């Protein structure tokens, strides 16, 4: 049976007193305070020690976004598994640091009542948004990676030389302005999604990985792998770009 991929976007968490965060008309300081109090309450009741420890070293704005994203991921995982979020224990895996309850970064995963939960997860953040992807009860060997990017962050000298292969640079050569930035961000999201799926991250130089066409990343044990994710599928704002990689690896 084909794997059922679920994708969900979560909007930025508005930090009280921080400028530049969109608020609806009529939004009040009391609403900010109530949201912050709810975040703190849910954080204490649902997140694990390693996650809380990592959050404790962050600035208030970064901390709130991180905690909101972790809560969203845990609830997303619980929904896919059909269990209470409180039954899950974070169990991250990093190729350098190992796997366990004391790891707060890398490939996300959970224990369910002491056993590895039958679930693939991937998370990405862009412009304050959190993009989640999950597959419950995955086939053996199936791997998942997702990435979202803000094209504005691709506007710097040297991007092409660091990130793109020669063929990709030629592909974007005729573009200018926002079209160029979106083209760069699209390729970057595809590379990040693929490398997250492999579990290598940026241990693999991005300018050695070509991701121009879907066909170049298909046929892994007969399963299609890499594709762009339109805003209509993710729920992200249309100015962001996203990609997913889902394949069976040997």
C-alpha atoms as a PDB file:
ATOM      1  CA  UNK A   1       0.000   0.000   0.000  1.00  0.00           C
ATOM      2  CA  UNK A   2       1.336   3.444  -0.929  1.00  0.00           C
ATOM      3  CA  UNK A   3       2.529   5.590   1.962  1.00  0.00           C
ATOM      4  CA  UNK A   4       0.059   8.291   2.988  1.00  0.00           C
ATOM      5  CA  UNK A   5       1.912  11.572   3.369  1.00  0.00           C
ATOM      6  CA  UNK A   6       0.293  14.236   5.557  1.00  0.00           C
ATOM      7  CA  UNK A   7       1.563  17.829   5.358  1.00  0.00           C
ATOM      8  CA  UNK A   8       0.548  20.693   7.641  1.00  0.00           C
ATOM      9  CA  UNK A   9       1.630  24.319   7.999  1.00  0.00           C
ATOM     10  CA  UNK A  10       1.475  26.145  11.333  1.00  0.00           C
ATOM     11  CA  UNK A  11       1.515  29.976  11.368  1.00  0.00           C
ATOM     12  CA  UNK A  12       4.043  32.001  13.341  1.00  0.00           C
ATOM     13  CA  UNK A  13       3.509  32.357  17.055  1.00  0.00           C
ATOM     14  CA  UNK A  14       3.092  36.066  17.900  1.00  0.00           C
ATOM     15  CA  UNK A  15       5.450  37.058  20.705  1.00  0.00           C
ATOM     16  CA  UNK A  16       4.051  39.850  22.909  1.00  0.00           C
ATOM     17  CA  UNK A  17       5.838  43.158  22.366  1.00  0.00           C
ATOM     18  CA  UNK A  18       7.735  42.091  19.265  1.00  0.00           C
ATOM     19  CA  UNK A  19       7.339  44.410  16.299  1.00  0.00           C
ATOM     20  CA  UNK A  20       6.778  43.122  12.792  1.00  0.00           C
ATOM     21  CA  UNK A  21       4.371  40.328  13.794  1.00  0.00           C
ATOM     22  CA  UNK A  22       1.061  40.570  11.925  1.00  0.00           C
ATOM     23  CA  UNK A  23      -1.977  40.945  14.142  1.00  0.00           C
ATOM     24  CA  UNK A  24      -5.620  40.974  13.196  1.00  0.00           C
ATOM     25  CA  UNK A  25      -7.620  44.176  13.779  1.00  0.00           C
ATOM     26  CA  UNK A  26      -8.724  44.325  17.371  1.00  0.00           C
ATOM     27  CA  UNK A  27      -5.827  42.196  18.592  1.00  0.00           C
ATOM     28  CA  UNK A  28      -5.037  43.172  22.190  1.00  0.00           C
ATOM     29  CA  UNK A  29      -2.216  42.870  24.668  1.00  0.00           C
ATOM     30  CA  UNK A  30      -4.528  40.692  26.745  1.00  0.00           C
ATOM     31  CA  UNK A  31      -4.823  38.233  23.840  1.00  0.00           C
ATOM     32  CA  UNK A  32      -1.013  38.177  23.557  1.00  0.00           C
ATOM     33  CA  UNK A  33      -0.694  37.462  27.252  1.00  0.00           C
ATOM     34  CA  UNK A  34      -3.286  34.695  27.095  1.00  0.00           C
ATOM     35  CA  UNK A  35      -1.487  33.045  24.152  1.00  0.00           C
ATOM     36  CA  UNK A  36       1.848  33.248  25.965  1.00  0.00           C
ATOM     37  CA  UNK A  37       0.347  31.755  29.129  1.00  0.00           C
ATOM     38  CA  UNK A  38      -1.202  28.907  27.142  1.00  0.00           C
ATOM     39  CA  UNK A  39       2.128  28.219  25.446  1.00  0.00           C
ATOM     40  CA  UNK A  40       3.930  28.063  28.783  1.00  0.00           C
ATOM     41  CA  UNK A  41       1.304  25.780  30.298  1.00  0.00           C
ATOM     42  CA  UNK A  42       1.339  23.369  27.376  1.00  0.00           C
ATOM     43  CA  UNK A  43       5.122  23.442  27.243  1.00  0.00           C
ATOM     44  CA  UNK A  44       5.419  22.369  30.873  1.00  0.00           C
ATOM     45  CA  UNK A  45       2.856  19.590  30.473  1.00  0.00           C
ATOM     46  CA  UNK A  46       3.904  18.114  27.112  1.00  0.00           C
ATOM     47  CA  UNK A  47       7.529  18.775  26.198  1.00  0.00           C
ATOM     48  CA  UNK A  48      10.511  16.792  27.431  1.00  0.00           C
ATOM     49  CA  UNK A  49      13.597  17.872  29.359  1.00  0.00           C
ATOM     50  CA  UNK A  50      15.963  18.051  26.373  1.00  0.00           C
ATOM     51  CA  UNK A  51      13.523  20.245  24.438  1.00  0.00           C
ATOM     52  CA  UNK A  52      13.030  22.550  27.412  1.00  0.00           C
ATOM     53  CA  UNK A  53      16.767  22.735  27.987  1.00  0.00           C
ATOM     54  CA  UNK A  54      17.403  23.773  24.407  1.00  0.00           C
ATOM     55  CA  UNK A  55      14.656  26.403  24.583  1.00  0.00           C
ATOM     56  CA  UNK A  56      16.131  27.828  27.763  1.00  0.00           C
ATOM     57  CA  UNK A  57      19.231  29.047  25.922  1.00  0.00           C
ATOM     58  CA  UNK A  58      17.231  31.003  23.311  1.00  0.00           C
ATOM     59  CA  UNK A  59      16.085  34.605  23.119  1.00  0.00           C
ATOM     60  CA  UNK A  60      12.395  35.126  24.043  1.00  0.00           C
ATOM     61  CA  UNK A  61      11.257  35.494  20.429  1.00  0.00           C
ATOM     62  CA  UNK A  62      13.202  32.486  19.183  1.00  0.00           C
ATOM     63  CA  UNK A  63      12.182  30.466  22.235  1.00  0.00           C
ATOM     64  CA  UNK A  64       8.463  31.049  21.699  1.00  0.00           C
ATOM     65  CA  UNK A  65       8.665  30.022  18.043  1.00  0.00           C
ATOM     66  CA  UNK A  66      10.702  26.932  18.880  1.00  0.00           C
ATOM     67  CA  UNK A  67       8.340  25.799  21.638  1.00  0.00           C
ATOM     68  CA  UNK A  68       5.249  26.425  19.518  1.00  0.00           C
ATOM     69  CA  UNK A  69       6.801  24.386  16.717  1.00  0.00           C
ATOM     70  CA  UNK A  70       7.667  21.482  19.012  1.00  0.00           C
ATOM     71  CA  UNK A  71       4.172  21.478  20.481  1.00  0.00           C
ATOM     72  CA  UNK A  72       2.664  21.514  16.991  1.00  0.00           C
ATOM     73  CA  UNK A  73       4.897  18.623  15.933  1.00  0.00           C
ATOM     74  CA  UNK A  74       4.018  16.542  18.997  1.00  0.00           C
ATOM     75  CA  UNK A  75       0.291  17.094  18.503  1.00  0.00           C
ATOM     76  CA  UNK A  76       0.636  16.340  14.800  1.00  0.00           C
ATOM     77  CA  UNK A  77       2.442  13.080  15.606  1.00  0.00           C
ATOM     78  CA  UNK A  78      -0.158  12.133  18.207  1.00  0.00           C
ATOM     79  CA  UNK A  79      -2.967  12.805  15.739  1.00  0.00           C
ATOM     80  CA  UNK A  80      -1.353  10.599  13.082  1.00  0.00           C
ATOM     81  CA  UNK A  81      -0.870   7.817  15.631  1.00  0.00           C
ATOM     82  CA  UNK A  82      -4.286   8.225  17.230  1.00  0.00           C
ATOM     83  CA  UNK A  83      -2.887   8.604  20.752  1.00  0.00           C
ATOM     84  CA  UNK A  84      -2.731  11.381  23.373  1.00  0.00           C
ATOM     85  CA  UNK A  85       0.211  13.746  22.906  1.00  0.00           C
ATOM     86  CA  UNK A  86       1.159  13.134  26.543  1.00  0.00           C
ATOM     87  CA  UNK A  87       1.926   9.481  25.720  1.00  0.00           C
ATOM     88  CA  UNK A  88       4.862  10.474  23.485  1.00  0.00           C
ATOM     89  CA  UNK A  89       8.506  10.966  24.439  1.00  0.00           C
ATOM     90  CA  UNK A  90      10.794  12.900  22.073  1.00  0.00           C
ATOM     91  CA  UNK A  91      13.478  10.649  20.577  1.00  0.00           C
ATOM     92  CA  UNK A  92      15.688  12.578  18.147  1.00  0.00           C
ATOM     93  CA  UNK A  93      18.475  11.144  16.026  1.00  0.00           C
ATOM     94  CA  UNK A  94      21.614  13.017  14.930  1.00  0.00           C
ATOM     95  CA  UNK A  95      24.357  11.372  12.810  1.00  0.00           C
ATOM     96  CA  UNK A  96      26.994  13.085  14.941  1.00  0.00           C
ATOM     97  CA  UNK A  97      25.450  13.071  18.428  1.00  0.00           C
ATOM     98  CA  UNK A  98      23.509   9.815  18.437  1.00  0.00           C
ATOM     99  CA  UNK A  99      19.922   8.983  19.343  1.00  0.00           C
ATOM    100  CA  UNK A 100      17.993   9.278  22.579  1.00  0.00           C
ATOM    101  CA  UNK A 101      15.909  11.310  24.972  1.00  0.00           C
ATOM    102  CA  UNK A 102      18.837  13.645  25.651  1.00  0.00           C
ATOM    103  CA  UNK A 103      19.094  14.706  21.972  1.00  0.00           C
ATOM    104  CA  UNK A 104      17.042  17.767  21.030  1.00  0.00           C
ATOM    105  CA  UNK A 105      17.993  18.150  17.359  1.00  0.00           C
ATOM    106  CA  UNK A 106      18.290  16.142  14.153  1.00  0.00           C
ATOM    107  CA  UNK A 107      15.709  13.739  12.738  1.00  0.00           C
ATOM    108  CA  UNK A 108      12.520  13.917  14.841  1.00  0.00           C
ATOM    109  CA  UNK A 109      10.921  10.838  16.314  1.00  0.00           C
ATOM    110  CA  UNK A 110       9.012   9.681  19.373  1.00  0.00           C
ATOM    111  CA  UNK A 111       8.723   6.767  21.728  1.00  0.00           C
ATOM    112  CA  UNK A 112       5.209   5.559  22.425  1.00  0.00           C
ATOM    113  CA  UNK A 113       4.986   3.916  25.834  1.00  0.00           C
ATOM    114  CA  UNK A 114       8.667   3.032  25.652  1.00  0.00           C
ATOM    115  CA  UNK A 115       8.702   1.712  22.064  1.00  0.00           C
ATOM    116  CA  UNK A 116       9.649   3.486  18.847  1.00  0.00           C
ATOM    117  CA  UNK A 117       6.490   5.030  17.402  1.00  0.00           C
ATOM    118  CA  UNK A 118       5.662   3.742  13.874  1.00  0.00           C
ATOM    119  CA  UNK A 119       5.954   7.175  12.317  1.00  0.00           C
ATOM    120  CA  UNK A 120       8.162   9.201   9.976  1.00  0.00           C
ATOM    121  CA  UNK A 121       8.391  12.930  10.693  1.00  0.00           C
ATOM    122  CA  UNK A 122      10.096  15.946   9.200  1.00  0.00           C
ATOM    123  CA  UNK A 123       9.914  19.615  10.150  1.00  0.00           C
ATOM    124  CA  UNK A 124      11.061  22.850   8.557  1.00  0.00           C
ATOM    125  CA  UNK A 125      10.743  26.520   9.464  1.00  0.00           C
ATOM    126  CA  UNK A 126      10.607  29.547   7.190  1.00  0.00           C
ATOM    127  CA  UNK A 127       9.584  33.157   7.894  1.00  0.00           C
ATOM    128  CA  UNK A 128       8.187  32.091  11.263  1.00  0.00           C
ATOM    129  CA  UNK A 129       6.034  29.317   9.757  1.00  0.00           C
ATOM    130  CA  UNK A 130       6.465  25.676  10.716  1.00  0.00           C
ATOM    131  CA  UNK A 131       5.920  23.038   8.039  1.00  0.00           C
ATOM    132  CA  UNK A 132       5.289  19.481   9.215  1.00  0.00           C
ATOM    133  CA  UNK A 133       5.234  16.238   7.256  1.00  0.00           C
ATOM    134  CA  UNK A 134       4.417  12.755   8.530  1.00  0.00           C
ATOM    135  CA  UNK A 135       3.771   9.179   7.447  1.00  0.00           C
ATOM    136  CA  UNK A 136       2.180   6.753   9.910  1.00  0.00           C
ATOM    137  CA  UNK A 137       2.986   3.030   9.725  1.00  0.00           C
ATOM    138  CA  UNK A 138       5.665   3.501   7.040  1.00  0.00           C
ATOM    139  CA  UNK A 139       6.900   0.671   4.836  1.00  0.00           C
ATOM    140  CA  UNK A 140      10.328  -0.760   5.748  1.00  0.00           C
ATOM    141  CA  UNK A 141      13.130   1.480   4.506  1.00  0.00           C
ATOM    142  CA  UNK A 142      10.889   4.447   3.768  1.00  0.00           C
ATOM    143  CA  UNK A 143      12.494   7.814   4.571  1.00  0.00           C
ATOM    144  CA  UNK A 144      11.092  11.342   4.618  1.00  0.00           C
ATOM    145  CA  UNK A 145      12.418  14.878   4.359  1.00  0.00           C
ATOM    146  CA  UNK A 146      10.655  18.215   3.977  1.00  0.00           C
ATOM    147  CA  UNK A 147      11.872  21.772   3.622  1.00  0.00           C
ATOM    148  CA  UNK A 148      10.376  25.254   3.307  1.00  0.00           C
ATOM    149  CA  UNK A 149      12.305  28.338   2.264  1.00  0.00           C
ATOM    150  CA  UNK A 150      11.795  32.103   2.125  1.00  0.00           C
ATOM    151  CA  UNK A 151      13.118  33.397  -1.230  1.00  0.00           C
ATOM    152  CA  UNK A 152      14.237  36.619   0.458  1.00  0.00           C
ATOM    153  CA  UNK A 153      16.926  34.607   2.260  1.00  0.00           C
ATOM    154  CA  UNK A 154      18.471  33.588  -1.079  1.00  0.00           C
ATOM    155  CA  UNK A 155      19.389  37.187  -1.887  1.00  0.00           C
ATOM    156  CA  UNK A 156      23.111  37.248  -1.147  1.00  0.00           C
ATOM    157  CA  UNK A 157      26.338  37.202  -3.136  1.00  0.00           C
ATOM    158  CA  UNK A 158      27.895  33.776  -3.458  1.00  0.00           C
ATOM    159  CA  UNK A 159      24.662  31.786  -3.146  1.00  0.00           C
ATOM    160  CA  UNK A 160      25.044  30.178  -6.554  1.00  0.00           C
ATOM    161  CA  UNK A 161      28.663  29.118  -6.000  1.00  0.00           C
ATOM    162  CA  UNK A 162      27.937  27.569  -2.592  1.00  0.00           C
ATOM    163  CA  UNK A 163      24.572  25.938  -3.279  1.00  0.00           C
ATOM    164  CA  UNK A 164      24.101  25.245  -6.993  1.00  0.00           C
ATOM    165  CA  UNK A 165      25.674  22.826  -9.455  1.00  0.00           C
ATOM    166  CA  UNK A 166      26.927  24.240 -12.798  1.00  0.00           C
ATOM    167  CA  UNK A 167      23.797  22.919 -14.550  1.00  0.00           C
ATOM    168  CA  UNK A 168      21.553  24.578 -11.962  1.00  0.00           C
ATOM    169  CA  UNK A 169      23.419  27.868 -12.357  1.00  0.00           C
ATOM    170  CA  UNK A 170      22.861  27.717 -16.122  1.00  0.00           C
ATOM    171  CA  UNK A 171      19.182  26.923 -15.523  1.00  0.00           C
ATOM    172  CA  UNK A 172      18.738  30.154 -13.522  1.00  0.00           C
ATOM    173  CA  UNK A 173      21.052  32.322 -15.630  1.00  0.00           C
ATOM    174  CA  UNK A 174      18.268  34.207 -17.435  1.00  0.00           C
ATOM    175  CA  UNK A 175      16.269  35.079 -14.334  1.00  0.00           C
ATOM    176  CA  UNK A 176      16.306  38.365 -12.448  1.00  0.00           C
ATOM    177  CA  UNK A 177      14.684  39.858  -9.372  1.00  0.00           C
ATOM    178  CA  UNK A 178      12.077  37.807  -7.515  1.00  0.00           C
ATOM    179  CA  UNK A 179      12.012  35.153 -10.246  1.00  0.00           C
ATOM    180  CA  UNK A 180      15.696  34.478  -9.573  1.00  0.00           C
ATOM    181  CA  UNK A 181      15.204  34.393  -5.802  1.00  0.00           C
ATOM    182  CA  UNK A 182      12.279  31.981  -6.105  1.00  0.00           C
ATOM    183  CA  UNK A 183      14.297  29.797  -8.463  1.00  0.00           C
ATOM    184  CA  UNK A 184      17.182  29.685  -6.008  1.00  0.00           C
ATOM    185  CA  UNK A 185      14.874  28.991  -3.055  1.00  0.00           C
ATOM    186  CA  UNK A 186      13.088  26.205  -4.946  1.00  0.00           C
ATOM    187  CA  UNK A 187      16.354  24.383  -5.650  1.00  0.00           C
ATOM    188  CA  UNK A 188      17.577  24.946  -2.096  1.00  0.00           C
ATOM    189  CA  UNK A 189      14.341  23.523  -0.648  1.00  0.00           C
ATOM    190  CA  UNK A 190      14.659  20.452  -2.898  1.00  0.00           C
ATOM    191  CA  UNK A 191      18.260  19.880  -1.797  1.00  0.00           C
ATOM    192  CA  UNK A 192      17.417  20.303   1.894  1.00  0.00           C
ATOM    193  CA  UNK A 193      14.448  17.936   1.635  1.00  0.00           C
ATOM    194  CA  UNK A 194      16.544  15.287  -0.122  1.00  0.00           C
ATOM    195  CA  UNK A 195      19.454  15.564   2.312  1.00  0.00           C
ATOM    196  CA  UNK A 196      17.098  15.418   5.312  1.00  0.00           C
ATOM    197  CA  UNK A 197      15.618  12.260   3.851  1.00  0.00           C
ATOM    198  CA  UNK A 198      19.094  10.753   3.507  1.00  0.00           C
ATOM    199  CA  UNK A 199      19.925  11.830   7.044  1.00  0.00           C
ATOM    200  CA  UNK A 200      23.202  13.457   6.031  1.00  0.00           C
ATOM    201  CA  UNK A 201      22.153  17.103   6.129  1.00  0.00           C
ATOM    202  CA  UNK A 202      24.850  19.537   5.099  1.00  0.00           C
ATOM    203  CA  UNK A 203      27.552  16.938   5.595  1.00  0.00           C
ATOM    204  CA  UNK A 204      26.892  16.597   1.861  1.00  0.00           C
ATOM    205  CA  UNK A 205      27.949  19.731  -0.035  1.00  0.00           C
ATOM    206  CA  UNK A 206      24.789  21.145  -1.658  1.00  0.00           C
ATOM    207  CA  UNK A 207      26.649  22.141  -4.824  1.00  0.00           C
ATOM    208  CA  UNK A 208      27.324  18.438  -5.485  1.00  0.00           C
ATOM    209  CA  UNK A 209      23.624  17.467  -5.488  1.00  0.00           C
ATOM    210  CA  UNK A 210      21.605  18.220  -8.617  1.00  0.00           C
ATOM    211  CA  UNK A 211      17.847  18.526  -8.148  1.00  0.00           C
ATOM    212  CA  UNK A 212      16.592  20.190 -11.316  1.00  0.00           C
ATOM    213  CA  UNK A 213      14.131  17.488 -12.336  1.00  0.00           C
ATOM    214  CA  UNK A 214      11.909  15.091 -10.432  1.00  0.00           C
ATOM    215  CA  UNK A 215      13.148  12.304 -12.699  1.00  0.00           C
ATOM    216  CA  UNK A 216      16.662  12.669 -11.339  1.00  0.00           C
ATOM    217  CA  UNK A 217      15.478  11.657  -7.875  1.00  0.00           C
ATOM    218  CA  UNK A 218      13.058   8.853  -8.726  1.00  0.00           C
ATOM    219  CA  UNK A 219      13.508   5.160  -9.108  1.00  0.00           C
ATOM    220  CA  UNK A 220      14.901   4.563  -5.611  1.00  0.00           C
ATOM    221  CA  UNK A 221      13.682   0.977  -5.246  1.00  0.00           C
ATOM    222  CA  UNK A 222      10.938   1.934  -7.696  1.00  0.00           C
ATOM    223  CA  UNK A 223       9.455   4.751  -5.539  1.00  0.00           C
ATOM    224  CA  UNK A 224       9.253   8.348  -6.667  1.00  0.00           C
ATOM    225  CA  UNK A 225      11.214  10.648  -4.405  1.00  0.00           C
ATOM    226  CA  UNK A 226      11.428  14.394  -4.748  1.00  0.00           C
ATOM    227  CA  UNK A 227       8.831  16.998  -5.706  1.00  0.00           C
ATOM    228  CA  UNK A 228       7.825  20.591  -5.117  1.00  0.00           C
ATOM    229  CA  UNK A 229       4.965  21.277  -2.711  1.00  0.00           C
ATOM    230  CA  UNK A 230       2.532  23.990  -3.866  1.00  0.00           C
ATOM    231  CA  UNK A 231       1.036  26.381  -1.351  1.00  0.00           C
ATOM    232  CA  UNK A 232      -2.392  24.821  -1.921  1.00  0.00           C
ATOM    233  CA  UNK A 233      -1.051  21.533  -0.551  1.00  0.00           C
ATOM    234  CA  UNK A 234       1.015  22.880   2.334  1.00  0.00           C
ATOM    235  CA  UNK A 235      -1.073  25.784   3.599  1.00  0.00           C
ATOM    236  CA  UNK A 236       1.996  28.030   3.534  1.00  0.00           C
ATOM    237  CA  UNK A 237       1.815  31.604   2.189  1.00  0.00           C
ATOM    238  CA  UNK A 238       2.272  31.734  -1.585  1.00  0.00           C
ATOM    239  CA  UNK A 239       5.518  33.700  -1.262  1.00  0.00           C
ATOM    240  CA  UNK A 240       7.277  30.731   0.383  1.00  0.00           C
ATOM    241  CA  UNK A 241       8.466  27.603  -1.441  1.00  0.00           C
ATOM    242  CA  UNK A 242       8.615  24.009  -0.232  1.00  0.00           C
ATOM    243  CA  UNK A 243       9.642  20.534  -1.307  1.00  0.00           C
ATOM    244  CA  UNK A 244       9.311  16.973  -0.013  1.00  0.00           C
ATOM    245  CA  UNK A 245      11.429  13.856  -0.483  1.00  0.00           C
ATOM    246  CA  UNK A 246       9.856  10.474   0.216  1.00  0.00           C
ATOM    247  CA  UNK A 247      11.593   7.293  -0.895  1.00  0.00           C
ATOM    248  CA  UNK A 248      12.549   3.772   0.089  1.00  0.00           C
ATOM    249  CA  UNK A 249      16.297   3.610   0.657  1.00  0.00           C
ATOM    250  CA  UNK A 250      18.396   0.441   0.458  1.00  0.00           C
END
